[in-house]
Amino acid sequence: ELEHWKSRMSSFNSLLDEIKSSRV
């Protein structure tokens, strides 16, 4: 359960980083 949420956190944080990039 912990590993699932850690993986999900990593995915969404990467997506947020991309959305907040200067290019976007």
mmCIF file of all heavy atoms, coordinates in Angstrom:
data_MODEL
# 
_entry.id   MODEL 
# 
loop_
_atom_site.group_PDB 
_atom_site.id 
_atom_site.type_symbol 
_atom_site.label_atom_id 
_atom_site.label_alt_id 
_atom_site.label_comp_id 
_atom_site.label_asym_id 
_atom_site.label_entity_id 
_atom_site.label_seq_id 
_atom_site.pdbx_PDB_ins_code 
_atom_site.Cartn_x 
_atom_site.Cartn_y 
_atom_site.Cartn_z 
_atom_site.occupancy 
_atom_site.B_iso_or_equiv 
_atom_site.pdbx_formal_charge 
_atom_site.auth_seq_id 
_atom_site.auth_comp_id 
_atom_site.auth_asym_id 
_atom_site.auth_atom_id 
_atom_site.pdbx_PDB_model_num 
ATOM 1   N N   . GLU A 1 1  ? 0.843  -1.208 0.000   1.00 0.00 ? 1  GLU A N   1 
ATOM 2   C CA  . GLU A 1 1  ? 0.000  0.000  0.000   1.00 0.00 ? 1  GLU A CA  1 
ATOM 3   C C   . GLU A 1 1  ? 0.870  1.247  0.000   1.00 0.00 ? 1  GLU A C   1 
ATOM 4   O O   . GLU A 1 1  ? 0.642  2.183  -0.769  1.00 0.00 ? 1  GLU A O   1 
ATOM 5   C CB  . GLU A 1 1  ? -0.932 -0.017 1.220   1.00 0.00 ? 1  GLU A CB  1 
ATOM 6   C CG  . GLU A 1 1  ? -1.954 1.062  1.216   1.00 0.00 ? 1  GLU A CG  1 
ATOM 7   C CD  . GLU A 1 1  ? -3.076 0.866  0.207   1.00 0.00 ? 1  GLU A CD  1 
ATOM 8   O OE1 . GLU A 1 1  ? -3.123 -0.158 -0.499  1.00 0.00 ? 1  GLU A OE1 1 
ATOM 9   O OE2 . GLU A 1 1  ? -3.915 1.776  0.117   1.00 0.00 ? 1  GLU A OE2 1 
ATOM 10  N N   . LEU A 1 2  ? 1.893  1.251  0.833   1.00 0.00 ? 2  LEU A N   1 
ATOM 11  C CA  . LEU A 1 2  ? 2.821  2.369  0.879   1.00 0.00 ? 2  LEU A CA  1 
ATOM 12  C C   . LEU A 1 2  ? 3.541  2.522  -0.462  1.00 0.00 ? 2  LEU A C   1 
ATOM 13  O O   . LEU A 1 2  ? 3.655  3.632  -0.990  1.00 0.00 ? 2  LEU A O   1 
ATOM 14  C CB  . LEU A 1 2  ? 3.824  2.178  2.024   1.00 0.00 ? 2  LEU A CB  1 
ATOM 15  C CG  . LEU A 1 2  ? 4.922  3.230  2.165   1.00 0.00 ? 2  LEU A CG  1 
ATOM 16  C CD1 . LEU A 1 2  ? 4.343  4.627  2.364   1.00 0.00 ? 2  LEU A CD1 1 
ATOM 17  C CD2 . LEU A 1 2  ? 5.856  2.863  3.313   1.00 0.00 ? 2  LEU A CD2 1 
ATOM 18  N N   . GLU A 1 3  ? 3.991  1.414  -1.017  1.00 0.00 ? 3  GLU A N   1 
ATOM 19  C CA  . GLU A 1 3  ? 4.705  1.459  -2.303  1.00 0.00 ? 3  GLU A CA  1 
ATOM 20  C C   . GLU A 1 3  ? 3.795  1.982  -3.420  1.00 0.00 ? 3  GLU A C   1 
ATOM 21  O O   . GLU A 1 3  ? 4.240  2.735  -4.287  1.00 0.00 ? 3  GLU A O   1 
ATOM 22  C CB  . GLU A 1 3  ? 5.266  0.073  -2.668  1.00 0.00 ? 3  GLU A CB  1 
ATOM 23  C CG  . GLU A 1 3  ? 6.368  -0.393 -1.743  1.00 0.00 ? 3  GLU A CG  1 
ATOM 24  C CD  . GLU A 1 3  ? 7.541  0.572  -1.652  1.00 0.00 ? 3  GLU A CD  1 
ATOM 25  O OE1 . GLU A 1 3  ? 7.958  1.142  -2.683  1.00 0.00 ? 3  GLU A OE1 1 
ATOM 26  O OE2 . GLU A 1 3  ? 8.042  0.781  -0.527  1.00 0.00 ? 3  GLU A OE2 1 
ATOM 27  N N   . HIS A 1 4  ? 2.533  1.585  -3.402  1.00 0.00 ? 4  HIS A N   1 
ATOM 28  C CA  . HIS A 1 4  ? 1.571  2.075  -4.402  1.00 0.00 ? 4  HIS A CA  1 
ATOM 29  C C   . HIS A 1 4  ? 1.473  3.596  -4.348  1.00 0.00 ? 4  HIS A C   1 
ATOM 30  O O   . HIS A 1 4  ? 1.536  4.279  -5.371  1.00 0.00 ? 4  HIS A O   1 
ATOM 31  C CB  . HIS A 1 4  ? 0.190  1.453  -4.167  1.00 0.00 ? 4  HIS A CB  1 
ATOM 32  C CG  . HIS A 1 4  ? -0.902 2.167  -4.886  1.00 0.00 ? 4  HIS A CG  1 
ATOM 33  N ND1 . HIS A 1 4  ? -1.111 2.046  -6.237  1.00 0.00 ? 4  HIS A ND1 1 
ATOM 34  C CD2 . HIS A 1 4  ? -1.839 3.046  -4.439  1.00 0.00 ? 4  HIS A CD2 1 
ATOM 35  C CE1 . HIS A 1 4  ? -2.145 2.817  -6.597  1.00 0.00 ? 4  HIS A CE1 1 
ATOM 36  N NE2 . HIS A 1 4  ? -2.593 3.430  -5.521  1.00 0.00 ? 4  HIS A NE2 1 
ATOM 37  N N   . TRP A 1 5  ? 1.301  4.140  -3.149  1.00 0.00 ? 5  TRP A N   1 
ATOM 38  C CA  . TRP A 1 5  ? 1.136  5.591  -3.016  1.00 0.00 ? 5  TRP A CA  1 
ATOM 39  C C   . TRP A 1 5  ? 2.436  6.330  -3.286  1.00 0.00 ? 5  TRP A C   1 
ATOM 40  O O   . TRP A 1 5  ? 2.420  7.457  -3.808  1.00 0.00 ? 5  TRP A O   1 
ATOM 41  C CB  . TRP A 1 5  ? 0.538  5.937  -1.652  1.00 0.00 ? 5  TRP A CB  1 
ATOM 42  C CG  . TRP A 1 5  ? -0.914 5.584  -1.618  1.00 0.00 ? 5  TRP A CG  1 
ATOM 43  C CD1 . TRP A 1 5  ? -1.497 4.518  -0.998  1.00 0.00 ? 5  TRP A CD1 1 
ATOM 44  C CD2 . TRP A 1 5  ? -1.974 6.281  -2.287  1.00 0.00 ? 5  TRP A CD2 1 
ATOM 45  N NE1 . TRP A 1 5  ? -2.851 4.516  -1.243  1.00 0.00 ? 5  TRP A NE1 1 
ATOM 46  C CE2 . TRP A 1 5  ? -3.175 5.580  -2.018  1.00 0.00 ? 5  TRP A CE2 1 
ATOM 47  C CE3 . TRP A 1 5  ? -2.029 7.420  -3.086  1.00 0.00 ? 5  TRP A CE3 1 
ATOM 48  C CZ2 . TRP A 1 5  ? -4.413 5.987  -2.527  1.00 0.00 ? 5  TRP A CZ2 1 
ATOM 49  C CZ3 . TRP A 1 5  ? -3.261 7.819  -3.589  1.00 0.00 ? 5  TRP A CZ3 1 
ATOM 50  C CH2 . TRP A 1 5  ? -4.429 7.117  -3.311  1.00 0.00 ? 5  TRP A CH2 1 
ATOM 51  N N   . LYS A 1 6  ? 3.584  5.727  -2.968  1.00 0.00 ? 6  LYS A N   1 
ATOM 52  C CA  . LYS A 1 6  ? 4.863  6.355  -3.300  1.00 0.00 ? 6  LYS A CA  1 
ATOM 53  C C   . LYS A 1 6  ? 5.025  6.442  -4.818  1.00 0.00 ? 6  LYS A C   1 
ATOM 54  O O   . LYS A 1 6  ? 5.460  7.471  -5.345  1.00 0.00 ? 6  LYS A O   1 
ATOM 55  C CB  . LYS A 1 6  ? 6.022  5.565  -2.680  1.00 0.00 ? 6  LYS A CB  1 
ATOM 56  C CG  . LYS A 1 6  ? 6.207  5.845  -1.203  1.00 0.00 ? 6  LYS A CG  1 
ATOM 57  C CD  . LYS A 1 6  ? 7.175  4.899  -0.519  1.00 0.00 ? 6  LYS A CD  1 
ATOM 58  C CE  . LYS A 1 6  ? 8.528  4.805  -1.115  1.00 0.00 ? 6  LYS A CE  1 
ATOM 59  N NZ  . LYS A 1 6  ? 9.423  3.893  -0.351  1.00 0.00 ? 6  LYS A NZ  1 
ATOM 60  N N   . SER A 1 7  ? 4.660  5.382  -5.510  1.00 0.00 ? 7  SER A N   1 
ATOM 61  C CA  . SER A 1 7  ? 4.751  5.370  -6.970  1.00 0.00 ? 7  SER A CA  1 
ATOM 62  C C   . SER A 1 7  ? 3.807  6.406  -7.579  1.00 0.00 ? 7  SER A C   1 
ATOM 63  O O   . SER A 1 7  ? 4.171  7.138  -8.499  1.00 0.00 ? 7  SER A O   1 
ATOM 64  C CB  . SER A 1 7  ? 4.402  3.963  -7.478  1.00 0.00 ? 7  SER A CB  1 
ATOM 65  O OG  . SER A 1 7  ? 4.241  3.966  -8.856  1.00 0.00 ? 7  SER A OG  1 
ATOM 66  N N   . ARG A 1 8  ? 2.603  6.463  -7.042  1.00 0.00 ? 8  ARG A N   1 
ATOM 67  C CA  . ARG A 1 8  ? 1.622  7.429  -7.528  1.00 0.00 ? 8  ARG A CA  1 
ATOM 68  C C   . ARG A 1 8  ? 2.080  8.868  -7.259  1.00 0.00 ? 8  ARG A C   1 
ATOM 69  O O   . ARG A 1 8  ? 1.935  9.744  -8.111  1.00 0.00 ? 8  ARG A O   1 
ATOM 70  C CB  . ARG A 1 8  ? 0.282  7.143  -6.847  1.00 0.00 ? 8  ARG A CB  1 
ATOM 71  C CG  . ARG A 1 8  ? -0.872 7.787  -7.512  1.00 0.00 ? 8  ARG A CG  1 
ATOM 72  C CD  . ARG A 1 8  ? -2.152 7.188  -7.007  1.00 0.00 ? 8  ARG A CD  1 
ATOM 73  N NE  . ARG A 1 8  ? -3.191 8.172  -7.183  1.00 0.00 ? 8  ARG A NE  1 
ATOM 74  C CZ  . ARG A 1 8  ? -4.471 7.929  -7.197  1.00 0.00 ? 8  ARG A CZ  1 
ATOM 75  N NH1 . ARG A 1 8  ? -4.894 6.702  -7.032  1.00 0.00 ? 8  ARG A NH1 1 
ATOM 76  N NH2 . ARG A 1 8  ? -5.349 8.873  -7.369  1.00 0.00 ? 8  ARG A NH2 1 
ATOM 77  N N   . MET A 1 9  ? 2.660  9.102  -6.092  1.00 0.00 ? 9  MET A N   1 
ATOM 78  C CA  . MET A 1 9  ? 3.184  10.420 -5.754  1.00 0.00 ? 9  MET A CA  1 
ATOM 79  C C   . MET A 1 9  ? 4.285  10.818 -6.738  1.00 0.00 ? 9  MET A C   1 
ATOM 80  O O   . MET A 1 9  ? 4.314  11.944 -7.238  1.00 0.00 ? 9  MET A O   1 
ATOM 81  C CB  . MET A 1 9  ? 3.723  10.428 -4.324  1.00 0.00 ? 9  MET A CB  1 
ATOM 82  C CG  . MET A 1 9  ? 4.273  11.767 -3.880  1.00 0.00 ? 9  MET A CG  1 
ATOM 83  S SD  . MET A 1 9  ? 4.841  11.787 -2.155  1.00 0.00 ? 9  MET A SD  1 
ATOM 84  C CE  . MET A 1 9  ? 6.388  10.907 -2.297  1.00 0.00 ? 9  MET A CE  1 
ATOM 85  N N   . SER A 1 10 ? 5.171  9.898  -7.036  1.00 0.00 ? 10 SER A N   1 
ATOM 86  C CA  . SER A 1 10 ? 6.258  10.157 -7.972  1.00 0.00 ? 10 SER A CA  1 
ATOM 87  C C   . SER A 1 10 ? 5.716  10.512 -9.355  1.00 0.00 ? 10 SER A C   1 
ATOM 88  O O   . SER A 1 10 ? 6.167  11.473 -9.988  1.00 0.00 ? 10 SER A O   1 
ATOM 89  C CB  . SER A 1 10 ? 7.162  8.938  -8.043  1.00 0.00 ? 10 SER A CB  1 
ATOM 90  O OG  . SER A 1 10 ? 8.163  9.119  -8.993  1.00 0.00 ? 10 SER A OG  1 
ATOM 91  N N   . SER A 1 11 ? 4.732  9.757  -9.822  1.00 0.00 ? 11 SER A N   1 
ATOM 92  C CA  . SER A 1 11 ? 4.145  10.011 -11.148 1.00 0.00 ? 11 SER A CA  1 
ATOM 93  C C   . SER A 1 11 ? 3.503  11.387 -11.220 1.00 0.00 ? 11 SER A C   1 
ATOM 94  O O   . SER A 1 11 ? 3.739  12.143 -12.168 1.00 0.00 ? 11 SER A O   1 
ATOM 95  C CB  . SER A 1 11 ? 3.079  8.958  -11.472 1.00 0.00 ? 11 SER A CB  1 
ATOM 96  O OG  . SER A 1 11 ? 3.647  7.696  -11.553 1.00 0.00 ? 11 SER A OG  1 
ATOM 97  N N   . PHE A 1 12 ? 2.688  11.703 -10.219 1.00 0.00 ? 12 PHE A N   1 
ATOM 98  C CA  . PHE A 1 12 ? 1.986  12.984 -10.253 1.00 0.00 ? 12 PHE A CA  1 
ATOM 99  C C   . PHE A 1 12 ? 2.933  14.159 -10.024 1.00 0.00 ? 12 PHE A C   1 
ATOM 100 O O   . PHE A 1 12 ? 2.738  15.231 -10.605 1.00 0.00 ? 12 PHE A O   1 
ATOM 101 C CB  . PHE A 1 12 ? 0.823  13.007 -9.266  1.00 0.00 ? 12 PHE A CB  1 
ATOM 102 C CG  . PHE A 1 12 ? -0.364 12.244 -9.766  1.00 0.00 ? 12 PHE A CG  1 
ATOM 103 C CD1 . PHE A 1 12 ? -0.838 11.136 -9.085  1.00 0.00 ? 12 PHE A CD1 1 
ATOM 104 C CD2 . PHE A 1 12 ? -1.015 12.612 -10.928 1.00 0.00 ? 12 PHE A CD2 1 
ATOM 105 C CE1 . PHE A 1 12 ? -1.926 10.422 -9.557  1.00 0.00 ? 12 PHE A CE1 1 
ATOM 106 C CE2 . PHE A 1 12 ? -2.099 11.906 -11.414 1.00 0.00 ? 12 PHE A CE2 1 
ATOM 107 C CZ  . PHE A 1 12 ? -2.557 10.810 -10.729 1.00 0.00 ? 12 PHE A CZ  1 
ATOM 108 N N   . ASN A 1 13 ? 3.959  13.973 -9.211  1.00 0.00 ? 13 ASN A N   1 
ATOM 109 C CA  . ASN A 1 13 ? 4.942  15.046 -9.027  1.00 0.00 ? 13 ASN A CA  1 
ATOM 110 C C   . ASN A 1 13 ? 5.712  15.311 -10.318 1.00 0.00 ? 13 ASN A C   1 
ATOM 111 O O   . ASN A 1 13 ? 5.986  16.464 -10.652 1.00 0.00 ? 13 ASN A O   1 
ATOM 112 C CB  . ASN A 1 13 ? 5.889  14.738 -7.879  1.00 0.00 ? 13 ASN A CB  1 
ATOM 113 C CG  . ASN A 1 13 ? 5.248  14.959 -6.526  1.00 0.00 ? 13 ASN A CG  1 
ATOM 114 O OD1 . ASN A 1 13 ? 4.221  15.628 -6.414  1.00 0.00 ? 13 ASN A OD1 1 
ATOM 115 N ND2 . ASN A 1 13 ? 5.843  14.396 -5.490  1.00 0.00 ? 13 ASN A ND2 1 
ATOM 116 N N   . SER A 1 14 ? 6.034  14.247 -11.050 1.00 0.00 ? 14 SER A N   1 
ATOM 117 C CA  . SER A 1 14 ? 6.706  14.422 -12.344 1.00 0.00 ? 14 SER A CA  1 
ATOM 118 C C   . SER A 1 14 ? 5.802  15.169 -13.312 1.00 0.00 ? 14 SER A C   1 
ATOM 119 O O   . SER A 1 14 ? 6.256  16.058 -14.041 1.00 0.00 ? 14 SER A O   1 
ATOM 120 C CB  . SER A 1 14 ? 7.079  13.067 -12.948 1.00 0.00 ? 14 SER A CB  1 
ATOM 121 O OG  . SER A 1 14 ? 8.026  12.420 -12.161 1.00 0.00 ? 14 SER A OG  1 
ATOM 122 N N   . LEU A 1 15 ? 4.549  14.808 -13.317 1.00 0.00 ? 15 LEU A N   1 
ATOM 123 C CA  . LEU A 1 15 ? 3.583  15.481 -14.188 1.00 0.00 ? 15 LEU A CA  1 
ATOM 124 C C   . LEU A 1 15 ? 3.443  16.959 -13.807 1.00 0.00 ? 15 LEU A C   1 
ATOM 125 O O   . LEU A 1 15 ? 3.427  17.832 -14.674 1.00 0.00 ? 15 LEU A O   1 
ATOM 126 C CB  . LEU A 1 15 ? 2.230  14.765 -14.095 1.00 0.00 ? 15 LEU A CB  1 
ATOM 127 C CG  . LEU A 1 15 ? 1.200  15.042 -15.157 1.00 0.00 ? 15 LEU A CG  1 
ATOM 128 C CD1 . LEU A 1 15 ? 1.755  14.906 -16.559 1.00 0.00 ? 15 LEU A CD1 1 
ATOM 129 C CD2 . LEU A 1 15 ? 0.026  14.094 -14.978 1.00 0.00 ? 15 LEU A CD2 1 
ATOM 130 N N   . LEU A 1 16 ? 3.379  17.229 -12.512 1.00 0.00 ? 16 LEU A N   1 
ATOM 131 C CA  . LEU A 1 16 ? 3.305  18.626 -12.047 1.00 0.00 ? 16 LEU A CA  1 
ATOM 132 C C   . LEU A 1 16 ? 4.555  19.406 -12.446 1.00 0.00 ? 16 LEU A C   1 
ATOM 133 O O   . LEU A 1 16 ? 4.450  20.566 -12.868 1.00 0.00 ? 16 LEU A O   1 
ATOM 134 C CB  . LEU A 1 16 ? 3.143  18.681 -10.528 1.00 0.00 ? 16 LEU A CB  1 
ATOM 135 C CG  . LEU A 1 16 ? 1.734  18.620 -9.979  1.00 0.00 ? 16 LEU A CG  1 
ATOM 136 C CD1 . LEU A 1 16 ? 1.767  18.697 -8.458  1.00 0.00 ? 16 LEU A CD1 1 
ATOM 137 C CD2 . LEU A 1 16 ? 0.850  19.709 -10.535 1.00 0.00 ? 16 LEU A CD2 1 
ATOM 138 N N   . ASP A 1 17 ? 5.727  18.786 -12.316 1.00 0.00 ? 17 ASP A N   1 
ATOM 139 C CA  . ASP A 1 17 ? 6.970  19.451 -12.718 1.00 0.00 ? 17 ASP A CA  1 
ATOM 140 C C   . ASP A 1 17 ? 6.925  19.812 -14.201 1.00 0.00 ? 17 ASP A C   1 
ATOM 141 O O   . ASP A 1 17 ? 7.358  20.899 -14.594 1.00 0.00 ? 17 ASP A O   1 
ATOM 142 C CB  . ASP A 1 17 ? 8.185  18.568 -12.440 1.00 0.00 ? 17 ASP A CB  1 
ATOM 143 C CG  . ASP A 1 17 ? 8.491  18.429 -10.953 1.00 0.00 ? 17 ASP A CG  1 
ATOM 144 O OD1 . ASP A 1 17 ? 7.946  19.227 -10.149 1.00 0.00 ? 17 ASP A OD1 1 
ATOM 145 O OD2 . ASP A 1 17 ? 9.260  17.513 -10.596 1.00 0.00 ? 17 ASP A OD2 1 
ATOM 146 N N   . GLU A 1 18 ? 6.410  18.907 -15.000 1.00 0.00 ? 18 GLU A N   1 
ATOM 147 C CA  . GLU A 1 18 ? 6.310  19.153 -16.443 1.00 0.00 ? 18 GLU A CA  1 
ATOM 148 C C   . GLU A 1 18 ? 5.330  20.291 -16.734 1.00 0.00 ? 18 GLU A C   1 
ATOM 149 O O   . GLU A 1 18 ? 5.616  21.185 -17.525 1.00 0.00 ? 18 GLU A O   1 
ATOM 150 C CB  . GLU A 1 18 ? 5.874  17.867 -17.157 1.00 0.00 ? 18 GLU A CB  1 
ATOM 151 C CG  . GLU A 1 18 ? 5.963  17.928 -18.652 1.00 0.00 ? 18 GLU A CG  1 
ATOM 152 C CD  . GLU A 1 18 ? 7.381  18.091 -19.180 1.00 0.00 ? 18 GLU A CD  1 
ATOM 153 O OE1 . GLU A 1 18 ? 8.317  17.575 -18.571 1.00 0.00 ? 18 GLU A OE1 1 
ATOM 154 O OE2 . GLU A 1 18 ? 7.535  18.747 -20.221 1.00 0.00 ? 18 GLU A OE2 1 
ATOM 155 N N   . ILE A 1 19 ? 4.182  20.259 -16.063 1.00 0.00 ? 19 ILE A N   1 
ATOM 156 C CA  . ILE A 1 19 ? 3.162  21.294 -16.267 1.00 0.00 ? 19 ILE A CA  1 
ATOM 157 C C   . ILE A 1 19 ? 3.698  22.671 -15.861 1.00 0.00 ? 19 ILE A C   1 
ATOM 158 O O   . ILE A 1 19 ? 3.367  23.681 -16.469 1.00 0.00 ? 19 ILE A O   1 
ATOM 159 C CB  . ILE A 1 19 ? 1.879  20.953 -15.466 1.00 0.00 ? 19 ILE A CB  1 
ATOM 160 C CG1 . ILE A 1 19 ? 1.141  19.802 -16.149 1.00 0.00 ? 19 ILE A CG1 1 
ATOM 161 C CG2 . ILE A 1 19 ? 0.967  22.155 -15.321 1.00 0.00 ? 19 ILE A CG2 1 
ATOM 162 C CD1 . ILE A 1 19 ? -0.013 19.249 -15.341 1.00 0.00 ? 19 ILE A CD1 1 
ATOM 163 N N   . LYS A 1 20 ? 4.543  22.700 -14.845 1.00 0.00 ? 20 LYS A N   1 
ATOM 164 C CA  . LYS A 1 20 ? 5.071  23.966 -14.335 1.00 0.00 ? 20 LYS A CA  1 
ATOM 165 C C   . LYS A 1 20 ? 6.378  24.380 -15.018 1.00 0.00 ? 20 LYS A C   1 
ATOM 166 O O   . LYS A 1 20 ? 6.967  25.399 -14.659 1.00 0.00 ? 20 LYS A O   1 
ATOM 167 C CB  . LYS A 1 20 ? 5.259  23.874 -12.822 1.00 0.00 ? 20 LYS A CB  1 
ATOM 168 C CG  . LYS A 1 20 ? 3.976  23.477 -12.109 1.00 0.00 ? 20 LYS A CG  1 
ATOM 169 C CD  . LYS A 1 20 ? 3.726  24.210 -10.854 1.00 0.00 ? 20 LYS A CD  1 
ATOM 170 C CE  . LYS A 1 20 ? 2.464  23.801 -10.154 1.00 0.00 ? 20 LYS A CE  1 
ATOM 171 N NZ  . LYS A 1 20 ? 1.240  23.912 -10.878 1.00 0.00 ? 20 LYS A NZ  1 
ATOM 172 N N   . SER A 1 21 ? 6.811  23.618 -16.002 1.00 0.00 ? 21 SER A N   1 
ATOM 173 C CA  . SER A 1 21 ? 8.053  23.955 -16.707 1.00 0.00 ? 21 SER A CA  1 
ATOM 174 C C   . SER A 1 21 ? 7.881  25.246 -17.496 1.00 0.00 ? 21 SER A C   1 
ATOM 175 O O   . SER A 1 21 ? 6.774  25.639 -17.868 1.00 0.00 ? 21 SER A O   1 
ATOM 176 C CB  . SER A 1 21 ? 8.465  22.813 -17.645 1.00 0.00 ? 21 SER A CB  1 
ATOM 177 O OG  . SER A 1 21 ? 7.583  22.743 -18.752 1.00 0.00 ? 21 SER A OG  1 
ATOM 178 N N   . SER A 1 22 ? 9.000  25.901 -17.757 1.00 0.00 ? 22 SER A N   1 
ATOM 179 C CA  . SER A 1 22 ? 8.947  27.188 -18.457 1.00 0.00 ? 22 SER A CA  1 
ATOM 180 C C   . SER A 1 22 ? 8.382  27.031 -19.872 1.00 0.00 ? 22 SER A C   1 
ATOM 181 O O   . SER A 1 22 ? 7.650  27.895 -20.348 1.00 0.00 ? 22 SER A O   1 
ATOM 182 C CB  . SER A 1 22 ? 10.328 27.837 -18.498 1.00 0.00 ? 22 SER A CB  1 
ATOM 183 O OG  . SER A 1 22 ? 11.244 27.007 -19.172 1.00 0.00 ? 22 SER A OG  1 
ATOM 184 N N   . ARG A 1 23 ? 8.686  25.929 -20.525 1.00 0.00 ? 23 ARG A N   1 
ATOM 185 C CA  . ARG A 1 23 ? 8.190  25.690 -21.885 1.00 0.00 ? 23 ARG A CA  1 
ATOM 186 C C   . ARG A 1 23 ? 6.665  25.650 -21.896 1.00 0.00 ? 23 ARG A C   1 
ATOM 187 O O   . ARG A 1 23 ? 6.024  26.301 -22.729 1.00 0.00 ? 23 ARG A O   1 
ATOM 188 C CB  . ARG A 1 23 ? 8.768  24.355 -22.387 1.00 0.00 ? 23 ARG A CB  1 
ATOM 189 C CG  . ARG A 1 23 ? 8.319  23.936 -23.767 1.00 0.00 ? 23 ARG A CG  1 
ATOM 190 C CD  . ARG A 1 23 ? 8.993  22.631 -24.158 1.00 0.00 ? 23 ARG A CD  1 
ATOM 191 N NE  . ARG A 1 23 ? 8.593  21.531 -23.311 1.00 0.00 ? 23 ARG A NE  1 
ATOM 192 C CZ  . ARG A 1 23 ? 7.691  20.616 -23.670 1.00 0.00 ? 23 ARG A CZ  1 
ATOM 193 N NH1 . ARG A 1 23 ? 7.127  20.663 -24.845 1.00 0.00 ? 23 ARG A NH1 1 
ATOM 194 N NH2 . ARG A 1 23 ? 7.366  19.632 -22.854 1.00 0.00 ? 23 ARG A NH2 1 
ATOM 195 N N   . VAL A 1 24 ? 6.096  24.904 -20.967 1.00 0.00 ? 24 VAL A N   1 
ATOM 196 C CA  . VAL A 1 24 ? 4.632  24.797 -20.904 1.00 0.00 ? 24 VAL A CA  1 
ATOM 197 C C   . VAL A 1 24 ? 4.027  26.144 -20.499 1.00 0.00 ? 24 VAL A C   1 
ATOM 198 O O   . VAL A 1 24 ? 3.029  26.583 -21.075 1.00 0.00 ? 24 VAL A O   1 
ATOM 199 C CB  . VAL A 1 24 ? 4.204  23.673 -19.933 1.00 0.00 ? 24 VAL A CB  1 
ATOM 200 C CG1 . VAL A 1 24 ? 2.699  23.682 -19.717 1.00 0.00 ? 24 VAL A CG1 1 
ATOM 201 C CG2 . VAL A 1 24 ? 4.649  22.318 -20.469 1.00 0.00 ? 24 VAL A CG2 1 
# 
